[in-house]
Structures are given as C-alpha cells and as structure tokens.
Amino acid sequence: MTFLSSKERSFLSAVSQLAYSNPFLPERADCERAALGRDYEEGEPVWSLPVGDPERPRANVWRINERLVPLAEQVRTRLLASTRVREQDLVLYEDAVIHLLYNRYYPKFVGSNSPNEWSFYRDFLADWKHFYPEQIGFPSHHEPAHTFACYRQIQRAFEQIFHAIIGASLPAARLRAAIWQSIFTHDMRRYRRTLYQRMGDFTTLITGPSGSGKELAAQAVAKSRYVPFDDRKLNFAAEAVSFFPINISALSPTLVESELFGHRRGSFTGAIGDRKGWLETCPQLGSVFLDELGDLDPSIQVKLLRVIETRTFHLVGDTASQRFQGKLIAATNRDLAADIRNGRFREDLYYRLCSDQIATPSLAEQLADSPQVLRELVVHIARRIAGDEGEELAGEVTGWIEQHLERGYNWPGNYRELEQCVRNVLIRRDYRPSRSAPHDPIEQFTSDLRAGRLTADQAISRYATIVYKQTGSYEETARRLEIDRRTVKSKIDPEFLARC
C-alpha cells in the first residue's frame, strides 16, 4: 500500500504550493482551485480592500482547511507507523501542517496587538508537537518559535499591504505582489530558512510619479519586517518596528546631511550641540526612508554609497566610524537613468540601490485598466475623511466628477490630487484642478504611454521633442531617431517643447 493515494498527493501538492505562494498573485487562486476542484468558489480577480469583506476570498482557505485537518491526522498516524517514507511525501506533509496551523491561528494573530496577548503560543506549541512528534525528524528551520514569528510577519505584511494599496486594477495588484516579494522574496521557503535574517541588508528603491503612493509602499515594507519571538517570555523582541522618513527635497544639503548622519557640536554654523542622525537612531529592525532621492546632493551621494557598501558612516565633524543597523528604503519620481547621463546622479550609487525595485503606478494607469477603481478610491478616501458620512460624501464626489471633469481626465497629481478633490467637494462642493502643465512633462509622457492614451503620431512627436530638447540639434535628433532632419522639424511640438 502506498503512503499517499494519488488523490491525496494531488491535494497536498496544491496545498504545498499554496502555503508558500504570493497571496496577491494569480498563483494563489490557481492553487486553491487545484485543491478544491468543483468546490472552488470563484471571486474577484484581484484581492483588494474595496471589493467587500476581506473574509470572502478566504472562504476557499477555510474549505481547504476543513479537508486538510482530517487528512493531516491520517498522514501523521501513517508516519508514526511507517519505517520508510518518500522524502517528497514528507515534504508535502510538512507544508500541509505549516498551512494548517497558520490558518488555525490566523484569527488570534489578527486580534493580538499587545505584548500580553501571545500566551496562545502554548496552544500553538502543543499543536506543533502533535503534528511534528519527536519520532519524526524535521529540518532545524522547522523550529516552532521561528515559525510562530514567520506567521506573525506574514499576517502583519498581508494587513499592511492589503489596507495600504487600494484598487481592484491589475496595476494595483502587481504593486501589492511586488511589495510582498520585497518583504519575502519570490522564494518564501528560502526566506524562511535563512533570508529572514538578511533582508535588512538590501536597499529598496521605489520609483513612480508624484502622489502615486511611494511612501505607502515604503511603510508597508518597513512595518512588515521579521521580528523574533521569545518563547520564554512569550513576547516579540520589538513588535513596533520603526520608520524614519526624510524628505530630501524639503531640506538644504546641510540639513539633509545632519538629519541623516548626525553632527558634532561646532561642525557647521548653527551646530550648537551634538545631534544623532537617523542612521544612528535607527535600530536593527527599523528603516530609514529617503524620499525624493533624486534631489540628493552629489557630495552626500558619495557618503550614502559608503553606507550601503560598508554599513558604516561618520557624523558630520567626527572621524569615528558608526555602524548602521537598519534597512534603507529610497523613493524618487525622477528618471535616474537620465540623471546619470546628465551627471546629476552617481551611476555606482544607482546600481547599489536597484537590487530591489518597486514601481508605483499612476492613477491614470489604474483607471485605464479598471475605470471603476475611481469610485473605490473615492469611497476609501471619503470614509477616512468623513467617517459615517463617507458613503454619502463619496456619492457627491463621484457625481461632481462625472458632471464637471472631462471624460478621461488623467489626474496628473495622482492619488494626492484625488484626495484634495474629495476635500474640496466636501467643503465647497466644487473642485478646480490646476490647468497648468504637469510638473514633469516627460513623466506625463511616460504615464500617457503606459495608459495607452497617445496616438502613434503623438507618441512620435513627443519623443522627437524630448530628444530635440536634450540635444538642441535637429541633426543630432535625426541621427538618434534614424529619420531625416525635415521629418524631425515637422514633428517637434512647440507647446510640449516649452514645458520640457
């Protein structure tokens, strides 16, 4: 008699893949469908907050667990009675138990927010020892306190991403999946074995247009870091992971350097005392967020490169070396590749930053994929601003937008602009968008390309204009575009050129 029947092995294989899948990618639904067959309940294509109750998509998970519990008990009994078990079957059993216990204790993780609420670890440990008896040898990374900490991290990460990144569009779904990978990598098995200790060493670079939620993505990454669990004290080492944001564009280079590295008294005019910077203040499980990184002064770029390469830095006015323990997250709306070509950004720093990249989509990209996302976002913003009046306010705002803004309005200010629209309609029952040109016309051109809003002639015209602006020469533009000079001249858009 075989240890597992073909039907059991097929079911457990689907559960095994599900246990380590990215919940925001289609693979999650594919695994659930494979496990449940005809009992699978089709739901929304994208798992996002505004699409009703978040427990609805979990209905399939509960069905899987209902089947999994008795099967896991049967397999456990067979394991204890067997002298020879195929390694593949043992792995399937391990993964099944990992999935089973996570979903069994998920409600308790969600409801636990204080240091005194982790006593249910004792119940978890009893279940753990039941399914992993000493007679069965398992790898060392199947240590219960570590697995408990991974469960907590997965739950926190899911909540952070799910509630921070709104919208049922595919661009929003890809963003949620990208943030999840930034936290756990694409291989959660490897992460659980070793990488959970090392992810703070990787710098995360978030790119995207202004107002597209780059700081929300940064917070989701920072607040979802792995926190060890102390199984003797029954608490987490540092449940409140810290987040230190610095807006580089809002500060002078001297202040940026002081905020980031700290300084000694007398190191510059106005330094009347010693000051710790965020690199020194940030604990091991914390994160420093450098917003508007593209505006960083070249002299500070050199020092930041040293931090990334050696994890060390010096306070301004001091020669002693300090060690940075936390994680660096940076964001920019600039085209760093263009800045490198123009000598405004160091190429070596860029390559140190880009090991982990997240791109936030513009609101126009989301709407091009799913126009109904606008109402979802308005409802979310209105509820946050007006509380119980949110639903009524959302109806007023969407009605005003439909009546007063042209169809296909591209929201150049992205989510930040949409939020101001909601506030304006709340206060004045009116919103007057700026009719001025976008702050960055090249950024707008890129956004229009992604959203498919340009004709072929418009795309060629704007691209030719951008290249002409960079070269200042019809001849050089013609050479780069491999067309003749007269065609270049006819394609230049004077209005777009004036904004570049």
Protein backbone atom coordinates (compact mmCIF):
# COMPACT_ATOMS: atom_id res chain seq x y z
CA MET A 1 0.00 0.00 0.00
CA THR A 2 1.35 3.43 -0.96
CA PHE A 3 1.84 6.03 1.74
CA LEU A 4 -0.37 8.56 -0.10
CA SER A 5 -3.05 7.89 -2.68
CA SER A 6 -2.83 9.77 -5.96
CA LYS A 7 -5.84 11.89 -4.94
CA GLU A 8 -4.27 12.74 -1.56
CA ARG A 9 -0.94 13.55 -3.18
CA SER A 10 -2.62 15.84 -5.72
CA PHE A 11 -4.49 17.70 -2.99
CA LEU A 12 -1.41 18.04 -0.76
CA SER A 13 0.70 19.20 -3.71
CA ALA A 14 -1.74 22.07 -4.31
CA VAL A 15 -1.70 22.91 -0.58
CA SER A 16 2.11 22.78 -0.58
CA GLN A 17 2.28 25.37 -3.35
CA LEU A 18 -0.40 27.47 -1.67
CA ALA A 19 1.48 27.53 1.64
CA TYR A 20 4.38 29.45 0.07
CA SER A 21 2.58 31.41 -2.66
CA ASN A 22 2.33 35.18 -3.04
CA PRO A 23 -1.27 35.92 -1.93
CA PHE A 24 -1.55 38.86 -4.33
CA LEU A 25 -0.62 36.93 -7.47
CA PRO A 26 -2.97 34.74 -9.55
CA GLU A 27 -0.99 31.68 -8.40
CA ARG A 28 -2.84 31.79 -5.06
CA ALA A 29 -6.21 31.34 -6.73
CA ASP A 30 -4.77 28.70 -9.07
CA CYS A 31 -3.54 26.67 -6.09
CA GLU A 32 -6.89 26.98 -4.30
CA ARG A 33 -8.73 25.95 -7.47
CA ALA A 34 -6.43 22.94 -7.87
CA ALA A 35 -7.03 21.89 -4.25
CA LEU A 36 -10.81 22.29 -4.24
CA GLY A 37 -11.78 21.39 -7.78
CA ARG A 38 -15.51 21.92 -8.31
CA ASP A 39 -15.91 23.20 -4.74
CA TYR A 40 -13.76 26.25 -5.50
CA GLU A 41 -15.75 29.48 -5.19
CA GLU A 42 -14.88 31.99 -7.90
CA GLY A 43 -14.36 35.51 -6.57
CA GLU A 44 -12.97 38.84 -7.65
CA PRO A 45 -9.92 38.59 -9.95
CA VAL A 46 -7.93 40.92 -7.67
CA TRP A 47 -7.78 40.65 -3.90
CA SER A 48 -8.27 44.26 -2.76
CA LEU A 49 -9.86 46.10 0.13
CA PRO A 50 -12.77 47.94 -1.53
CA VAL A 51 -14.25 44.77 -3.05
CA GLY A 52 -16.34 43.98 0.02
CA ASP A 53 -15.47 41.84 3.01
CA PRO A 54 -11.84 40.63 3.04
CA GLU A 55 -13.02 37.34 4.56
CA ARG A 56 -14.89 36.41 1.38
CA PRO A 57 -11.76 35.43 -0.56
CA ARG A 58 -10.66 33.43 2.49
CA ALA A 59 -13.75 31.20 2.19
CA ASN A 60 -11.76 28.89 -0.08
CA VAL A 61 -8.97 28.77 2.50
CA TRP A 62 -11.41 27.65 5.19
CA ARG A 63 -12.77 24.93 2.88
CA ILE A 64 -9.24 23.70 2.25
CA ASN A 65 -8.55 23.58 5.98
CA GLU A 66 -11.73 21.59 6.59
CA ARG A 67 -10.38 18.92 4.26
CA LEU A 68 -6.82 19.26 5.49
CA VAL A 69 -7.38 18.67 9.21
CA PRO A 70 -8.61 15.03 8.98
CA LEU A 71 -6.11 14.20 6.23
CA ALA A 72 -3.20 15.61 8.26
CA GLU A 73 -4.26 13.43 11.21
CA GLN A 74 -4.38 10.36 8.97
CA VAL A 75 -0.97 11.09 7.46
CA ARG A 76 0.50 11.67 10.93
CA THR A 77 -0.72 8.24 12.03
CA ARG A 78 0.80 6.66 8.93
CA LEU A 79 4.10 8.46 9.53
CA LEU A 80 4.38 7.06 13.05
CA ALA A 81 3.65 3.56 11.78
CA SER A 82 5.89 3.69 8.72
CA THR A 83 9.54 2.76 8.55
CA ARG A 84 10.15 4.16 5.07
CA VAL A 85 8.53 7.31 3.66
CA ARG A 86 9.42 9.03 0.41
CA GLU A 87 11.11 12.37 1.03
CA GLN A 88 8.66 14.09 -1.33
CA ASP A 89 5.71 12.83 0.71
CA LEU A 90 7.33 14.02 3.93
CA VAL A 91 7.76 17.50 2.43
CA LEU A 92 4.10 17.53 1.39
CA TYR A 93 3.12 16.69 4.97
CA GLU A 94 5.39 19.40 6.40
CA ASP A 95 3.94 22.04 4.08
CA ALA A 96 0.39 20.90 4.81
CA VAL A 97 0.92 21.34 8.55
CA ILE A 98 2.54 24.74 8.02
CA HIS A 99 -0.54 25.85 6.08
CA LEU A 100 -2.99 24.25 8.50
CA LEU A 101 -1.52 25.81 11.65
CA TYR A 102 -1.20 29.26 10.09
CA ASN A 103 -4.87 29.37 9.20
CA ARG A 104 -5.87 27.85 12.54
CA TYR A 105 -4.11 30.65 14.44
CA TYR A 106 -4.61 33.47 11.94
CA PRO A 107 -7.67 34.91 13.80
CA LYS A 108 -5.67 35.07 17.03
CA PHE A 109 -2.78 36.86 15.33
CA VAL A 110 -5.19 39.44 13.91
CA GLY A 111 -6.72 40.07 17.33
CA SER A 112 -3.42 40.31 19.23
CA ASN A 113 -1.88 43.76 19.48
CA SER A 114 -0.46 43.98 22.99
CA PRO A 115 2.62 42.24 24.46
CA ASN A 116 0.42 40.28 26.89
CA GLU A 117 -1.69 38.57 24.26
CA TRP A 118 0.76 35.95 22.99
CA SER A 119 0.01 33.25 25.54
CA PHE A 120 -1.78 31.31 22.78
CA TYR A 121 1.74 30.30 21.73
CA ARG A 122 1.36 27.48 24.27
CA ASP A 123 -1.65 26.14 22.32
CA PHE A 124 0.29 26.54 19.09
CA LEU A 125 3.26 24.66 20.57
CA ALA A 126 1.01 21.81 21.68
CA ASP A 127 -0.37 21.53 18.13
CA TRP A 128 3.14 21.77 16.75
CA LYS A 129 4.37 18.87 18.90
CA HIS A 130 1.29 16.87 17.96
CA PHE A 131 1.90 17.16 14.23
CA TYR A 132 5.70 17.08 14.50
CA PRO A 133 6.35 14.36 17.12
CA GLU A 134 9.93 13.71 18.14
CA GLN A 135 9.90 10.34 16.39
CA ILE A 136 9.84 12.20 13.06
CA GLY A 137 12.97 14.13 12.16
CA PHE A 138 12.45 17.59 10.61
CA PRO A 139 14.94 20.24 9.47
CA SER A 140 16.16 22.81 12.01
CA HIS A 141 14.32 25.67 10.30
CA HIS A 142 11.12 23.96 11.48
CA GLU A 143 11.77 25.47 14.90
CA PRO A 144 8.39 26.39 16.47
CA ALA A 145 9.26 29.88 17.82
CA HIS A 146 10.74 30.87 14.45
CA THR A 147 7.70 29.55 12.59
CA PHE A 148 5.44 31.44 15.01
CA ALA A 149 7.41 34.63 14.25
CA CYS A 150 7.06 33.96 10.49
CA TYR A 151 3.31 33.53 10.92
CA ARG A 152 3.09 36.87 12.69
CA GLN A 153 5.18 38.54 9.99
CA ILE A 154 3.04 37.10 7.19
CA GLN A 155 -0.14 38.29 8.92
CA ARG A 156 1.32 41.78 9.50
CA ALA A 157 2.61 42.03 5.95
CA PHE A 158 -0.71 40.99 4.48
CA GLU A 159 -2.61 43.55 6.59
CA GLN A 160 -0.13 46.33 5.80
CA ILE A 161 -0.26 45.75 2.04
CA PHE A 162 -3.97 44.98 1.87
CA HIS A 163 -5.00 48.16 3.69
CA ALA A 164 -2.35 50.49 2.21
CA ILE A 165 -2.63 49.74 -1.52
CA ILE A 166 -6.20 50.31 -2.70
CA GLY A 167 -7.75 49.41 -6.04
CA ALA A 168 -9.00 46.35 -7.91
CA SER A 169 -6.98 47.15 -11.05
CA LEU A 170 -4.21 44.88 -12.30
CA PRO A 171 -1.56 47.62 -11.83
CA ALA A 172 -2.54 47.85 -8.15
CA ALA A 173 -2.48 44.06 -7.85
CA ARG A 174 1.00 43.96 -9.35
CA LEU A 175 2.12 46.61 -6.87
CA ARG A 176 0.79 44.61 -3.91
CA ALA A 177 2.56 41.50 -5.23
CA ALA A 178 5.81 43.44 -5.73
CA ILE A 179 5.75 44.73 -2.15
CA TRP A 180 5.16 41.18 -0.90
CA GLN A 181 8.21 39.99 -2.86
CA SER A 182 10.26 42.89 -1.50
CA ILE A 183 9.49 41.59 2.01
CA PHE A 184 9.76 37.81 1.45
CA THR A 185 11.49 37.48 -1.97
CA HIS A 186 9.94 35.24 -4.63
CA ASP A 187 11.04 32.11 -2.71
CA MET A 188 9.40 32.02 0.72
CA ARG A 189 10.98 28.65 1.53
CA ARG A 190 14.46 30.15 1.22
CA TYR A 191 13.29 33.21 3.12
CA ARG A 192 12.05 31.05 5.99
CA ARG A 193 15.30 29.04 6.07
CA THR A 194 17.87 31.85 6.02
CA LEU A 195 16.94 35.13 4.34
CA TYR A 196 14.67 36.36 7.14
CA GLN A 197 17.86 37.46 8.91
CA ARG A 198 19.32 39.26 5.89
CA MET A 199 16.59 41.30 4.22
CA GLY A 200 17.61 44.43 6.11
CA ASP A 201 20.87 44.39 4.14
CA PHE A 202 19.03 45.00 0.86
CA THR A 203 18.14 48.57 -0.08
CA THR A 204 14.69 49.01 -1.61
CA LEU A 205 14.21 51.64 -4.37
CA ILE A 206 10.66 52.78 -5.07
CA THR A 207 10.00 54.69 -8.29
CA GLY A 208 6.86 56.29 -9.64
CA PRO A 209 5.16 59.62 -10.32
CA SER A 210 4.44 62.13 -7.55
CA GLY A 211 1.39 61.31 -5.48
CA SER A 212 1.30 57.64 -6.53
CA GLY A 213 1.78 56.15 -3.07
CA LYS A 214 5.53 55.61 -2.84
CA GLU A 215 5.62 56.35 0.89
CA LEU A 216 2.71 53.96 1.50
CA ALA A 217 4.71 51.23 -0.24
CA ALA A 218 7.78 52.15 1.83
CA GLN A 219 5.81 51.96 5.09
CA ALA A 220 4.37 48.58 4.13
CA VAL A 221 7.89 47.20 3.55
CA ALA A 222 9.29 48.80 6.72
CA LYS A 223 6.46 47.76 9.04
CA SER A 224 6.46 44.16 7.80
CA ARG A 225 9.97 43.19 8.81
CA TYR A 226 10.73 39.94 10.62
CA VAL A 227 10.61 40.23 14.42
CA PRO A 228 11.94 37.28 16.51
CA PHE A 229 9.66 35.66 19.09
CA ASP A 230 10.93 34.94 22.61
CA ASP A 231 9.29 31.65 23.59
CA ARG A 232 10.37 32.02 27.23
CA LYS A 233 8.98 35.50 27.80
CA LEU A 234 6.12 34.88 25.35
CA ASN A 235 6.57 38.16 23.51
CA PHE A 236 8.16 39.64 20.42
CA ALA A 237 11.53 41.34 20.67
CA ALA A 238 10.41 44.63 19.13
CA GLU A 239 6.86 44.44 17.87
CA ALA A 240 6.75 48.15 16.98
CA VAL A 241 9.21 48.29 14.07
CA SER A 242 10.26 51.91 13.47
CA PHE A 243 10.10 54.07 10.34
CA PHE A 244 12.17 57.26 9.92
CA PRO A 245 11.22 59.32 6.83
CA ILE A 246 13.40 62.14 5.44
CA ASN A 247 12.08 64.34 2.62
CA ILE A 248 15.28 65.34 0.84
CA SER A 249 13.66 67.93 -1.41
CA ALA A 250 12.32 69.87 1.60
CA LEU A 251 15.76 70.38 3.22
CA SER A 252 19.02 72.04 2.30
CA PRO A 253 22.00 69.72 1.69
CA THR A 254 23.47 70.69 5.08
CA LEU A 255 20.26 69.82 6.91
CA VAL A 256 19.85 66.59 4.95
CA GLU A 257 23.35 65.55 5.95
CA SER A 258 22.70 66.46 9.58
CA GLU A 259 19.32 64.66 9.66
CA LEU A 260 20.80 61.56 8.08
CA PHE A 261 24.26 61.27 9.62
CA GLY A 262 24.04 63.48 12.71
CA HIS A 263 26.68 66.04 13.68
CA ARG A 264 29.10 67.14 16.38
CA ARG A 265 28.88 70.47 18.08
CA GLY A 266 30.56 73.24 16.07
CA SER A 267 30.82 71.20 12.89
CA PHE A 268 28.93 73.92 10.97
CA THR A 269 27.22 77.25 11.65
CA GLY A 270 24.23 76.60 13.88
CA ALA A 271 25.50 73.25 15.25
CA ILE A 272 25.25 74.32 18.90
CA GLY A 273 25.28 70.76 20.23
CA ASP A 274 25.79 67.14 19.30
CA ARG A 275 22.92 65.56 17.39
CA LYS A 276 22.17 61.96 16.49
CA GLY A 277 21.04 61.37 12.91
CA TRP A 278 18.51 58.81 11.78
CA LEU A 279 21.22 56.35 10.70
CA GLU A 280 22.43 56.21 14.29
CA THR A 281 18.98 56.35 15.87
CA CYS A 282 17.50 53.63 13.67
CA PRO A 283 17.51 50.24 15.46
CA GLN A 284 18.23 46.92 13.80
CA LEU A 285 14.57 46.32 12.94
CA GLY A 286 13.94 49.91 11.86
CA SER A 287 14.02 51.52 8.41
CA VAL A 288 15.22 54.92 7.16
CA PHE A 289 13.17 56.23 4.23
CA LEU A 290 14.84 58.69 1.86
CA ASP A 291 12.04 60.37 -0.08
CA GLU A 292 12.86 62.32 -3.26
CA LEU A 293 16.26 60.60 -3.51
CA GLY A 294 16.91 62.14 -6.93
CA ASP A 295 17.36 65.54 -5.25
CA LEU A 296 20.24 64.31 -3.08
CA ASP A 297 23.34 66.49 -3.31
CA PRO A 298 26.29 64.76 -5.09
CA SER A 299 28.54 65.17 -2.05
CA ILE A 300 26.03 63.29 0.11
CA GLN A 301 25.55 60.64 -2.59
CA VAL A 302 29.18 59.61 -2.00
CA LYS A 303 28.55 59.19 1.72
CA LEU A 304 25.32 57.28 1.15
CA LEU A 305 27.19 54.92 -1.18
CA ARG A 306 29.58 54.15 1.67
CA VAL A 307 26.67 53.38 3.99
CA ILE A 308 25.24 50.87 1.52
CA GLU A 309 28.60 49.26 0.75
CA THR A 310 30.06 49.02 4.26
CA ARG A 311 27.08 49.70 6.58
CA THR A 312 29.21 52.39 8.25
CA PHE A 313 29.13 56.21 8.36
CA HIS A 314 30.62 59.22 10.14
CA LEU A 315 28.83 62.01 11.95
CA VAL A 316 29.47 65.45 10.42
CA GLY A 317 32.54 66.81 12.19
CA ASP A 318 33.64 63.45 13.60
CA THR A 319 36.20 60.86 12.49
CA ALA A 320 34.83 57.91 14.48
CA SER A 321 33.05 55.25 12.47
CA GLN A 322 29.44 54.39 13.33
CA ARG A 323 27.51 51.31 12.19
CA PHE A 324 24.08 51.47 10.54
CA GLN A 325 21.93 48.57 11.75
CA GLY A 326 18.62 49.13 9.96
CA LYS A 327 17.24 49.00 6.42
CA LEU A 328 17.41 51.73 3.79
CA ILE A 329 14.38 52.48 1.61
CA ALA A 330 14.54 55.21 -1.03
CA ALA A 331 12.00 56.72 -3.41
CA THR A 332 12.08 59.07 -6.36
CA ASN A 333 9.85 60.34 -9.15
CA ARG A 334 12.85 61.27 -11.28
CA ASP A 335 14.33 59.38 -14.20
CA LEU A 336 17.59 58.34 -12.52
CA ALA A 337 18.96 56.91 -15.77
CA ALA A 338 18.63 60.36 -17.39
CA ASP A 339 20.15 61.99 -14.30
CA ILE A 340 23.13 59.63 -14.56
CA ARG A 341 23.64 60.60 -18.22
CA ASN A 342 23.45 64.27 -17.27
CA GLY A 343 25.89 63.85 -14.38
CA ARG A 344 23.36 64.61 -11.65
CA PHE A 345 23.31 61.15 -10.08
CA ARG A 346 26.11 58.68 -9.44
CA GLU A 347 25.94 55.52 -11.50
CA ASP A 348 27.65 53.40 -8.82
CA LEU A 349 25.08 54.54 -6.24
CA TYR A 350 22.23 53.69 -8.61
CA TYR A 351 23.48 50.13 -9.05
CA ARG A 352 23.79 49.75 -5.29
CA LEU A 353 20.18 50.90 -4.91
CA CYS A 354 18.49 48.86 -7.59
CA SER A 355 18.85 45.32 -6.23
CA ASP A 356 15.22 45.57 -5.11
CA GLN A 357 12.89 47.87 -7.07
CA ILE A 358 9.18 48.64 -6.73
CA ALA A 359 7.33 50.78 -9.30
CA THR A 360 4.12 52.51 -8.19
CA PRO A 361 1.55 53.01 -10.98
CA SER A 362 -0.07 56.36 -11.69
CA LEU A 363 -3.79 56.80 -11.09
CA ALA A 364 -4.23 57.15 -14.86
CA GLU A 365 -2.70 53.68 -15.35
CA GLN A 366 -5.11 52.19 -12.84
CA LEU A 367 -8.11 53.88 -14.45
CA ALA A 368 -7.03 52.81 -17.94
CA ASP A 369 -7.14 49.21 -16.71
CA SER A 370 -10.25 49.48 -14.49
CA PRO A 371 -12.31 52.71 -14.63
CA GLN A 372 -14.38 51.59 -11.59
CA VAL A 373 -11.26 51.99 -9.44
CA LEU A 374 -12.02 55.72 -9.24
CA ARG A 375 -15.17 55.12 -7.19
CA GLU A 376 -13.37 52.57 -4.99
CA LEU A 377 -10.67 55.10 -4.18
CA VAL A 378 -13.17 57.90 -3.60
CA VAL A 379 -15.14 55.71 -1.18
CA HIS A 380 -11.94 54.81 0.69
CA ILE A 381 -10.83 58.45 0.96
CA ALA A 382 -14.32 59.68 1.89
CA ARG A 383 -14.68 57.12 4.68
CA ARG A 384 -11.32 58.15 6.11
CA ILE A 385 -12.14 61.87 5.92
CA ALA A 386 -15.84 61.90 6.85
CA GLY A 387 -16.34 58.72 8.90
CA ASP A 388 -20.01 57.69 8.97
CA GLU A 389 -20.79 60.34 6.33
CA GLY A 390 -18.29 58.77 3.96
CA GLU A 391 -20.74 56.88 1.74
CA GLU A 392 -22.89 59.96 1.16
CA LEU A 393 -19.82 62.11 0.50
CA ALA A 394 -18.43 59.55 -1.96
CA GLY A 395 -21.67 59.73 -3.95
CA GLU A 396 -21.45 63.54 -4.08
CA VAL A 397 -17.82 63.45 -5.20
CA THR A 398 -18.26 60.87 -7.95
CA GLY A 399 -21.33 62.73 -9.17
CA TRP A 400 -19.41 66.01 -9.27
CA ILE A 401 -16.51 64.40 -11.15
CA GLU A 402 -18.83 62.90 -13.78
CA GLN A 403 -20.55 66.26 -14.35
CA HIS A 404 -17.60 68.65 -14.27
CA LEU A 405 -14.38 66.86 -15.33
CA GLU A 406 -13.84 65.82 -18.91
CA ARG A 407 -14.06 62.14 -19.63
CA GLY A 408 -10.64 60.52 -19.33
CA TYR A 409 -9.21 63.24 -17.06
CA ASN A 410 -5.76 61.87 -16.28
CA TRP A 411 -5.31 63.13 -12.67
CA PRO A 412 -1.75 64.45 -13.06
CA GLY A 413 -1.50 64.79 -9.26
CA ASN A 414 -2.48 61.12 -8.87
CA TYR A 415 -3.98 59.94 -5.54
CA ARG A 416 -2.91 63.14 -3.77
CA GLU A 417 -4.93 65.19 -6.24
CA LEU A 418 -7.93 62.87 -5.90
CA GLU A 419 -7.84 63.29 -2.13
CA GLN A 420 -7.83 67.07 -2.48
CA CYS A 421 -10.77 66.79 -4.87
CA VAL A 422 -12.72 64.88 -2.19
CA ARG A 423 -11.84 67.51 0.43
CA ASN A 424 -12.77 70.39 -1.90
CA VAL A 425 -16.14 68.89 -2.74
CA LEU A 426 -16.76 68.26 0.97
CA ILE A 427 -16.05 71.87 1.89
CA ARG A 428 -17.12 73.88 -1.17
CA ARG A 429 -18.99 71.39 -3.34
CA ASP A 430 -16.51 72.29 -6.04
CA TYR A 431 -13.03 71.36 -7.25
CA ARG A 432 -10.87 73.35 -9.63
CA PRO A 433 -7.98 71.29 -10.94
CA SER A 434 -4.87 73.14 -11.98
CA ARG A 435 -4.88 73.69 -15.71
CA SER A 436 -1.16 74.30 -15.75
CA ALA A 437 1.20 71.84 -17.37
CA PRO A 438 2.30 68.82 -15.34
CA HIS A 439 5.37 69.39 -13.19
CA ASP A 440 7.34 66.88 -15.22
CA PRO A 441 6.19 66.61 -18.87
CA ILE A 442 8.50 63.64 -19.53
CA GLU A 443 6.90 61.85 -16.59
CA GLN A 444 3.47 62.70 -18.05
CA PHE A 445 4.58 61.40 -21.46
CA THR A 446 5.64 58.11 -19.85
CA SER A 447 2.35 57.89 -17.99
CA ASP A 448 0.37 58.54 -21.18
CA LEU A 449 2.35 55.81 -22.98
CA ARG A 450 1.68 53.27 -20.23
CA ALA A 451 -2.01 54.12 -20.19
CA GLY A 452 -2.28 53.95 -24.00
CA ARG A 453 -3.65 57.48 -24.35
CA LEU A 454 -1.46 58.61 -27.28
CA THR A 455 -1.87 58.06 -30.99
CA ALA A 456 1.18 56.80 -32.88
CA ASP A 457 1.76 60.28 -34.31
CA GLN A 458 1.50 61.93 -30.88
CA ALA A 459 3.94 59.41 -29.38
CA ILE A 460 6.50 60.02 -32.15
CA SER A 461 6.04 63.79 -31.92
CA ARG A 462 6.56 63.95 -28.17
CA TYR A 463 9.51 61.58 -28.23
CA ALA A 464 11.18 63.59 -31.01
CA THR A 465 10.58 66.77 -28.98
CA ILE A 466 12.18 65.24 -25.88
CA VAL A 467 15.27 64.15 -27.80
CA TYR A 468 15.50 67.58 -29.50
CA LYS A 469 15.31 69.26 -26.08
CA GLN A 470 18.22 67.11 -24.87
CA THR A 471 20.41 67.57 -27.95
CA GLY A 472 19.45 71.09 -29.05
CA SER A 473 20.08 69.99 -32.63
CA TYR A 474 17.80 68.84 -35.44
CA GLU A 475 20.72 66.96 -37.00
CA GLU A 476 21.61 65.04 -33.82
CA THR A 477 17.95 64.29 -33.13
CA ALA A 478 17.56 62.96 -36.68
CA ARG A 479 20.67 60.80 -36.24
CA ARG A 480 19.41 59.27 -32.97
CA LEU A 481 15.90 58.65 -34.29
CA GLU A 482 17.24 57.45 -37.66
CA ILE A 483 14.93 59.76 -39.64
CA ASP A 484 15.70 62.80 -41.78
CA ARG A 485 16.08 66.35 -40.48
CA ARG A 486 12.92 67.66 -42.17
CA THR A 487 10.78 64.98 -40.53
CA VAL A 488 12.24 65.87 -37.13
CA LYS A 489 11.43 69.53 -37.70
CA SER A 490 7.85 68.72 -38.65
CA LYS A 491 7.37 66.52 -35.60
CA ILE A 492 8.56 69.00 -32.94
CA ASP A 493 5.64 70.04 -30.71
CA PRO A 494 6.27 73.72 -29.72
CA GLU A 495 3.84 73.59 -26.78
CA PHE A 496 5.32 70.37 -25.40
CA LEU A 497 8.85 71.72 -26.01
CA ALA A 498 8.09 74.83 -23.93
CA ARG A 499 7.12 72.61 -20.99
CA CYS A 500 10.16 70.31 -21.20
